[in-house]
Amino acid sequence: MRTPEMADDIKWQKSSFSGGGGEQCLETAESDGQILFRESDNPDLIITTSREKLAAFILGVKAGEFDHFVS
């Protein structure tokens, strides 16, 4: 896990499907070969993963394996 101080120079990105107000959005970035995630309403908590693990997750999302979380 990264500390907030480590994230000061990181450029965060969020989905265009996130609400216009910017609350409760999942943001992502890349730093030092790691993929970072944080929630906009709790930016001090940063979770890291590898490109390989994220790729496997995205394939699962595209295959509909996680649709039950949003329906």
N, C-alpha and C. Protein backbone atom coordinates (compact mmCIF):
# COMPACT_ATOMS: atom_id res chain seq x y z
N MET A 1 0.85 -1.17 0.00
CA MET A 1 0.00 0.00 0.00
C MET A 1 0.90 1.24 0.00
N ARG A 2 0.51 2.24 -0.73
CA ARG A 2 1.28 3.48 -0.83
C ARG A 2 0.71 4.50 0.15
N THR A 3 1.53 5.43 0.53
CA THR A 3 1.08 6.50 1.42
C THR A 3 0.63 7.69 0.60
N PRO A 4 -0.20 8.57 1.16
CA PRO A 4 -0.65 9.76 0.41
C PRO A 4 0.51 10.62 -0.07
N GLU A 5 1.58 10.69 0.70
CA GLU A 5 2.72 11.50 0.29
C GLU A 5 3.34 10.98 -0.99
N MET A 6 3.29 9.67 -1.21
CA MET A 6 3.85 9.07 -2.41
C MET A 6 3.00 9.39 -3.63
N ALA A 7 1.76 9.79 -3.42
CA ALA A 7 0.82 10.00 -4.52
C ALA A 7 0.74 11.45 -4.98
N ASP A 8 1.52 12.33 -4.40
CA ASP A 8 1.42 13.75 -4.73
C ASP A 8 1.71 14.04 -6.20
N ASP A 9 2.61 13.32 -6.83
CA ASP A 9 2.99 13.59 -8.22
C ASP A 9 2.31 12.66 -9.22
N ILE A 10 1.34 11.91 -8.79
CA ILE A 10 0.67 10.94 -9.64
C ILE A 10 -0.54 11.58 -10.33
N LYS A 11 -0.69 11.30 -11.62
CA LYS A 11 -1.84 11.80 -12.38
C LYS A 11 -2.95 10.75 -12.33
N TRP A 12 -4.01 11.05 -11.63
CA TRP A 12 -5.13 10.13 -11.46
C TRP A 12 -6.14 10.30 -12.59
N GLN A 13 -6.80 9.20 -12.92
CA GLN A 13 -7.80 9.19 -13.99
C GLN A 13 -9.05 8.50 -13.47
N LYS A 14 -10.21 9.01 -13.86
CA LYS A 14 -11.45 8.34 -13.51
C LYS A 14 -12.31 8.18 -14.76
N SER A 15 -13.25 7.30 -14.67
CA SER A 15 -14.11 6.99 -15.80
C SER A 15 -15.00 8.17 -16.17
N SER A 16 -15.26 8.32 -17.44
CA SER A 16 -16.20 9.34 -17.90
C SER A 16 -17.63 9.01 -17.46
N PHE A 17 -17.84 7.78 -16.99
CA PHE A 17 -19.16 7.37 -16.51
C PHE A 17 -19.37 7.76 -15.05
N SER A 18 -18.33 8.25 -14.39
CA SER A 18 -18.47 8.72 -13.01
C SER A 18 -19.34 9.96 -12.99
N GLY A 19 -20.00 10.19 -11.88
CA GLY A 19 -20.89 11.33 -11.75
C GLY A 19 -20.19 12.66 -12.00
N GLY A 20 -20.94 13.64 -12.41
CA GLY A 20 -20.39 14.95 -12.72
C GLY A 20 -19.79 15.67 -11.52
N GLY A 21 -20.27 15.33 -10.32
CA GLY A 21 -19.76 15.98 -9.12
C GLY A 21 -18.42 15.44 -8.65
N GLY A 22 -18.02 14.28 -9.15
CA GLY A 22 -16.73 13.70 -8.79
C GLY A 22 -16.73 12.95 -7.48
N GLU A 23 -17.88 12.82 -6.83
CA GLU A 23 -17.93 12.07 -5.59
C GLU A 23 -18.03 10.58 -5.87
N GLN A 24 -17.49 9.80 -4.98
CA GLN A 24 -17.59 8.35 -5.01
C GLN A 24 -17.17 7.76 -6.35
N CYS A 25 -16.04 8.20 -6.84
CA CYS A 25 -15.49 7.69 -8.09
C CYS A 25 -14.26 6.84 -7.79
N LEU A 26 -14.09 5.80 -8.56
CA LEU A 26 -12.87 5.00 -8.48
C LEU A 26 -11.87 5.63 -9.44
N GLU A 27 -10.70 5.97 -8.93
CA GLU A 27 -9.66 6.59 -9.74
C GLU A 27 -8.50 5.61 -9.89
N THR A 28 -7.80 5.70 -11.01
CA THR A 28 -6.68 4.81 -11.26
C THR A 28 -5.50 5.60 -11.81
N ALA A 29 -4.31 5.04 -11.62
CA ALA A 29 -3.09 5.67 -12.11
C ALA A 29 -2.03 4.58 -12.24
N GLU A 30 -0.90 4.95 -12.81
CA GLU A 30 0.24 4.04 -12.90
C GLU A 30 1.46 4.73 -12.34
N SER A 31 2.23 3.99 -11.55
CA SER A 31 3.45 4.53 -10.96
C SER A 31 4.42 3.40 -10.68
N ASP A 32 5.65 3.56 -11.11
CA ASP A 32 6.70 2.56 -10.85
C ASP A 32 6.29 1.15 -11.29
N GLY A 33 5.59 1.04 -12.42
CA GLY A 33 5.19 -0.26 -12.94
C GLY A 33 4.02 -0.90 -12.23
N GLN A 34 3.41 -0.20 -11.29
CA GLN A 34 2.25 -0.70 -10.57
C GLN A 34 1.01 0.09 -10.98
N ILE A 35 -0.14 -0.57 -10.93
CA ILE A 35 -1.41 0.08 -11.17
C ILE A 35 -1.97 0.45 -9.80
N LEU A 36 -2.43 1.69 -9.66
CA LEU A 36 -2.93 2.19 -8.39
C LEU A 36 -4.43 2.46 -8.49
N PHE A 37 -5.12 2.22 -7.40
CA PHE A 37 -6.55 2.53 -7.30
C PHE A 37 -6.80 3.29 -6.01
N ARG A 38 -7.76 4.20 -6.06
CA ARG A 38 -8.24 4.87 -4.87
C ARG A 38 -9.66 5.34 -5.13
N GLU A 39 -10.39 5.61 -4.06
CA GLU A 39 -11.72 6.18 -4.18
C GLU A 39 -11.61 7.68 -3.96
N SER A 40 -12.31 8.45 -4.75
CA SER A 40 -12.19 9.90 -4.66
C SER A 40 -12.64 10.44 -3.31
N ASP A 41 -13.55 9.73 -2.63
CA ASP A 41 -13.99 10.21 -1.32
C ASP A 41 -13.10 9.71 -0.18
N ASN A 42 -12.07 8.91 -0.50
CA ASN A 42 -11.09 8.45 0.49
C ASN A 42 -9.72 8.32 -0.19
N PRO A 43 -9.16 9.44 -0.67
CA PRO A 43 -7.95 9.39 -1.49
C PRO A 43 -6.68 8.96 -0.73
N ASP A 44 -6.74 8.89 0.59
CA ASP A 44 -5.55 8.50 1.34
C ASP A 44 -5.31 6.99 1.30
N LEU A 45 -6.32 6.21 0.96
CA LEU A 45 -6.18 4.76 0.87
C LEU A 45 -5.92 4.38 -0.58
N ILE A 46 -4.73 3.91 -0.87
CA ILE A 46 -4.33 3.57 -2.23
C ILE A 46 -4.00 2.08 -2.29
N ILE A 47 -4.60 1.38 -3.22
CA ILE A 47 -4.38 -0.04 -3.43
C ILE A 47 -3.57 -0.23 -4.70
N THR A 48 -2.60 -1.13 -4.68
CA THR A 48 -1.76 -1.37 -5.85
C THR A 48 -1.97 -2.79 -6.36
N THR A 49 -1.74 -2.96 -7.67
CA THR A 49 -1.77 -4.28 -8.29
C THR A 49 -0.84 -4.24 -9.50
N SER A 50 -0.65 -5.39 -10.10
CA SER A 50 0.20 -5.47 -11.28
C SER A 50 -0.65 -5.36 -12.55
N ARG A 51 0.01 -5.08 -13.66
CA ARG A 51 -0.69 -5.03 -14.95
C ARG A 51 -1.33 -6.39 -15.27
N GLU A 52 -0.62 -7.46 -14.95
CA GLU A 52 -1.12 -8.80 -15.25
C GLU A 52 -2.40 -9.10 -14.49
N LYS A 53 -2.43 -8.77 -13.21
CA LYS A 53 -3.63 -9.03 -12.41
C LYS A 53 -4.78 -8.16 -12.86
N LEU A 54 -4.50 -6.90 -13.20
CA LEU A 54 -5.55 -6.03 -13.70
C LEU A 54 -6.08 -6.53 -15.03
N ALA A 55 -5.21 -7.01 -15.90
CA ALA A 55 -5.65 -7.54 -17.20
C ALA A 55 -6.58 -8.73 -17.01
N ALA A 56 -6.26 -9.62 -16.08
CA ALA A 56 -7.12 -10.78 -15.81
C ALA A 56 -8.48 -10.32 -15.28
N PHE A 57 -8.48 -9.32 -14.42
CA PHE A 57 -9.74 -8.80 -13.88
C PHE A 57 -10.58 -8.17 -14.99
N ILE A 58 -9.96 -7.37 -15.84
CA ILE A 58 -10.69 -6.72 -16.93
C ILE A 58 -11.30 -7.75 -17.87
N LEU A 59 -10.57 -8.81 -18.16
CA LEU A 59 -11.13 -9.88 -18.99
C LEU A 59 -12.37 -10.48 -18.34
N GLY A 60 -12.33 -10.65 -17.02
CA GLY A 60 -13.49 -11.16 -16.30
C GLY A 60 -14.66 -10.19 -16.35
N VAL A 61 -14.38 -8.89 -16.24
CA VAL A 61 -15.43 -7.88 -16.34
C VAL A 61 -16.06 -7.93 -17.73
N LYS A 62 -15.23 -7.97 -18.75
CA LYS A 62 -15.75 -8.03 -20.13
C LYS A 62 -16.57 -9.28 -20.38
N ALA A 63 -16.24 -10.37 -19.70
CA ALA A 63 -16.97 -11.63 -19.86
C ALA A 63 -18.25 -11.66 -19.02
N GLY A 64 -18.49 -10.61 -18.24
CA GLY A 64 -19.72 -10.54 -17.46
C GLY A 64 -19.65 -11.22 -16.10
N GLU A 65 -18.46 -11.65 -15.67
CA GLU A 65 -18.32 -12.39 -14.43
C GLU A 65 -18.67 -11.56 -13.19
N PHE A 66 -18.68 -10.25 -13.30
CA PHE A 66 -18.92 -9.39 -12.14
C PHE A 66 -20.18 -8.54 -12.29
N ASP A 67 -21.01 -8.87 -13.26
CA ASP A 67 -22.21 -8.09 -13.50
C ASP A 67 -23.14 -8.04 -12.27
N HIS A 68 -23.10 -9.06 -11.44
CA HIS A 68 -23.98 -9.09 -10.28
C HIS A 68 -23.66 -7.98 -9.28
N PHE A 69 -22.48 -7.36 -9.38
CA PHE A 69 -22.15 -6.26 -8.48
C PHE A 69 -22.83 -4.94 -8.87
N VAL A 70 -23.27 -4.83 -10.09
CA VAL A 70 -23.85 -3.57 -10.55
C VAL A 70 -25.31 -3.67 -10.96
N SER A 71 -25.91 -4.81 -10.78
CA SER A 71 -27.32 -4.93 -11.17
C SER A 71 -28.23 -4.90 -9.97
